[in-house]
């Protein structure tokens, strides 16, 4: 269980990074479609 707790911050960072990237991609995609 200690290993899981130690890995938690990295996992949370990775999930947060993926979520931000996904939101940015969706926002850029909709913006691009609205323009074109």
PDB file of N, CA and C in Angstrom:
ATOM      1  N   UNK A   1       0.836  -1.205   0.000  1.00  0.00           N
ATOM      2  CA  UNK A   1       0.000   0.000   0.000  1.00  0.00           C
ATOM      3  C   UNK A   1       0.878   1.265   0.000  1.00  0.00           C
ATOM      4  N   UNK A   2       2.068   1.164   0.580  1.00  0.00           N
ATOM      5  CA  UNK A   2       2.960   2.332   0.611  1.00  0.00           C
ATOM      6  C   UNK A   2       3.378   2.741  -0.798  1.00  0.00           C
ATOM      7  N   UNK A   3       3.614   1.733  -1.651  1.00  0.00           N
ATOM      8  CA  UNK A   3       4.014   2.029  -3.025  1.00  0.00           C
ATOM      9  C   UNK A   3       2.938   2.798  -3.771  1.00  0.00           C
ATOM     10  N   UNK A   4       1.684   2.427  -3.524  1.00  0.00           N
ATOM     11  CA  UNK A   4       0.572   3.114  -4.182  1.00  0.00           C
ATOM     12  C   UNK A   4       0.514   4.568  -3.733  1.00  0.00           C
ATOM     13  N   UNK A   5       0.689   4.798  -2.453  1.00  0.00           N
ATOM     14  CA  UNK A   5       0.652   6.155  -1.919  1.00  0.00           C
ATOM     15  C   UNK A   5       1.797   6.989  -2.486  1.00  0.00           C
ATOM     16  N   UNK A   6       2.968   6.370  -2.659  1.00  0.00           N
ATOM     17  CA  UNK A   6       4.123   7.090  -3.181  1.00  0.00           C
ATOM     18  C   UNK A   6       3.908   7.446  -4.662  1.00  0.00           C
ATOM     19  N   UNK A   7       3.212   6.570  -5.382  1.00  0.00           N
ATOM     20  CA  UNK A   7       3.002   6.798  -6.813  1.00  0.00           C
ATOM     21  C   UNK A   7       1.829   7.741  -7.075  1.00  0.00           C
ATOM     22  N   UNK A   8       1.012   7.988  -6.068  1.00  0.00           N
ATOM     23  CA  UNK A   8      -0.203   8.768  -6.248  1.00  0.00           C
ATOM     24  C   UNK A   8       0.030  10.150  -6.873  1.00  0.00           C
ATOM     25  N   UNK A   9       0.961  10.969  -6.362  1.00  0.00           N
ATOM     26  CA  UNK A   9       1.160  12.312  -6.943  1.00  0.00           C
ATOM     27  C   UNK A   9       1.460  12.252  -8.435  1.00  0.00           C
ATOM     28  N   UNK A  10       2.298  11.300  -8.860  1.00  0.00           N
ATOM     29  CA  UNK A  10       2.626  11.179 -10.277  1.00  0.00           C
ATOM     30  C   UNK A  10       1.400  10.811 -11.091  1.00  0.00           C
ATOM     31  N   UNK A  11       0.582   9.910 -10.562  1.00  0.00           N
ATOM     32  CA  UNK A  11      -0.631   9.479 -11.272  1.00  0.00           C
ATOM     33  C   UNK A  11      -1.593  10.658 -11.405  1.00  0.00           C
ATOM     34  N   UNK A  12      -1.752  11.403 -10.318  1.00  0.00           N
ATOM     35  CA  UNK A  12      -2.661  12.556 -10.339  1.00  0.00           C
ATOM     36  C   UNK A  12      -2.168  13.589 -11.350  1.00  0.00           C
ATOM     37  N   UNK A  13      -0.860  13.814 -11.391  1.00  0.00           N
ATOM     38  CA  UNK A  13      -0.278  14.774 -12.339  1.00  0.00           C
ATOM     39  C   UNK A  13      -0.540  14.323 -13.770  1.00  0.00           C
ATOM     40  N   UNK A  14      -0.352  13.028 -14.021  1.00  0.00           N
ATOM     41  CA  UNK A  14      -0.555  12.497 -15.375  1.00  0.00           C
ATOM     42  C   UNK A  14      -2.009  12.649 -15.799  1.00  0.00           C
ATOM     43  N   UNK A  15      -2.940  12.337 -14.892  1.00  0.00           N
ATOM     44  CA  UNK A  15      -4.370  12.449 -15.212  1.00  0.00           C
ATOM     45  C   UNK A  15      -4.735  13.913 -15.473  1.00  0.00           C
ATOM     46  N   UNK A  16      -4.210  14.796 -14.637  1.00  0.00           N
ATOM     47  CA  UNK A  16      -4.507  16.226 -14.792  1.00  0.00           C
ATOM     48  C   UNK A  16      -3.969  16.734 -16.130  1.00  0.00           C
ATOM     49  N   UNK A  17      -2.737  16.288 -16.473  1.00  0.00           N
ATOM     50  CA  UNK A  17      -2.116  16.698 -17.733  1.00  0.00           C
ATOM     51  C   UNK A  17      -2.950  16.215 -18.917  1.00  0.00           C
ATOM     52  N   UNK A  18      -3.418  14.963 -18.840  1.00  0.00           N
ATOM     53  CA  UNK A  18      -4.236  14.405 -19.926  1.00  0.00           C
ATOM     54  C   UNK A  18      -5.548  15.171 -20.055  1.00  0.00           C
ATOM     55  N   UNK A  19      -6.163  15.501 -18.919  1.00  0.00           N
ATOM     56  CA  UNK A  19      -7.438  16.217 -18.944  1.00  0.00           C
ATOM     57  C   UNK A  19      -7.262  17.600 -19.571  1.00  0.00           C
ATOM     58  N   UNK A  20      -6.196  18.302 -19.185  1.00  0.00           N
ATOM     59  CA  UNK A  20      -5.939  19.644 -19.735  1.00  0.00           C
ATOM     60  C   UNK A  20      -5.675  19.560 -21.231  1.00  0.00           C
ATOM     61  N   UNK A  21      -4.885  18.565 -21.638  1.00  0.00           N
ATOM     62  CA  UNK A  21      -4.583  18.396 -23.062  1.00  0.00           C
ATOM     63  C   UNK A  21      -5.853  18.115 -23.853  1.00  0.00           C
ATOM     64  N   UNK A  22      -6.714  17.264 -23.287  1.00  0.00           N
ATOM     65  CA  UNK A  22      -7.963  16.919 -23.959  1.00  0.00           C
ATOM     66  C   UNK A  22      -8.859  18.152 -24.096  1.00  0.00           C
ATOM     67  N   UNK A  23      -8.971  18.929 -23.032  1.00  0.00           N
ATOM     68  CA  UNK A  23      -9.807  20.132 -23.068  1.00  0.00           C
ATOM     69  C   UNK A  23      -9.259  21.132 -24.076  1.00  0.00           C
ATOM     70  N   UNK A  24      -7.948  21.275 -24.120  1.00  0.00           N
ATOM     71  CA  UNK A  24      -7.322  22.201 -25.066  1.00  0.00           C
ATOM     72  C   UNK A  24      -7.590  21.745 -26.501  1.00  0.00           C
ATOM     73  N   UNK A  25      -7.496  20.435 -26.734  1.00  0.00           N
ATOM     74  CA  UNK A  25      -7.736  19.908 -28.082  1.00  0.00           C
ATOM     75  C   UNK A  25      -9.187  20.143 -28.496  1.00  0.00           C
ATOM     76  N   UNK A  26     -10.115  19.912 -27.577  1.00  0.00           N
ATOM     77  CA  UNK A  26     -11.539  20.110 -27.884  1.00  0.00           C
ATOM     78  C   UNK A  26     -11.815  21.597 -28.156  1.00  0.00           C
ATOM     79  N   UNK A  27     -11.270  22.454 -27.313  1.00  0.00           N
ATOM     80  CA  UNK A  27     -11.476  23.889 -27.483  1.00  0.00           C
ATOM     81  C   UNK A  27     -10.899  24.384 -28.804  1.00  0.00           C
ATOM     82  N   UNK A  28      -9.695  23.939 -29.131  1.00  0.00           N
ATOM     83  CA  UNK A  28      -9.049  24.336 -30.382  1.00  0.00           C
ATOM     84  C   UNK A  28      -9.843  23.816 -31.575  1.00  0.00           C
ATOM     85  N   UNK A  29     -10.348  22.582 -31.458  1.00  0.00           N
ATOM     86  CA  UNK A  29     -11.114  21.966 -32.548  1.00  0.00           C
ATOM     87  C   UNK A  29     -12.392  22.756 -32.819  1.00  0.00           C
ATOM     88  N   UNK A  30     -13.118  23.103 -31.765  1.00  0.00           N
ATOM     89  CA  UNK A  30     -14.378  23.837 -31.943  1.00  0.00           C
ATOM     90  C   UNK A  30     -14.094  25.247 -32.475  1.00  0.00           C
ATOM     91  N   UNK A  31     -13.016  25.868 -31.999  1.00  0.00           N
ATOM     92  CA  UNK A  31     -12.634  27.196 -32.466  1.00  0.00           C
ATOM     93  C   UNK A  31     -12.278  27.146 -33.948  1.00  0.00           C
ATOM     94  N   UNK A  32     -11.536  26.121 -34.337  1.00  0.00           N
ATOM     95  CA  UNK A  32     -11.119  25.952 -35.733  1.00  0.00           C
ATOM     96  C   UNK A  32     -12.335  25.747 -36.632  1.00  0.00           C
ATOM     97  N   UNK A  33     -13.304  24.927 -36.153  1.00  0.00           N
ATOM     98  CA  UNK A  33     -14.516  24.678 -36.936  1.00  0.00           C
ATOM     99  C   UNK A  33     -15.361  25.947 -37.046  1.00  0.00           C
ATOM    100  N   UNK A  34     -15.417  26.739 -35.982  1.00  0.00           N
ATOM    101  CA  UNK A  34     -16.209  27.969 -35.996  1.00  0.00           C
ATOM    102  C   UNK A  34     -15.611  28.953 -36.998  1.00  0.00           C
ATOM    103  N   UNK A  35     -14.303  28.971 -37.127  1.00  0.00           N
ATOM    104  CA  UNK A  35     -13.635  29.882 -38.060  1.00  0.00           C
ATOM    105  C   UNK A  35     -13.806  29.410 -39.503  1.00  0.00           C
ATOM    106  N   UNK A  36     -13.557  28.107 -39.709  1.00  0.00           N
ATOM    107  CA  UNK A  36     -13.538  27.591 -41.069  1.00  0.00           C
ATOM    108  C   UNK A  36     -14.907  27.188 -41.544  1.00  0.00           C
TER     109      UNK A  36
END
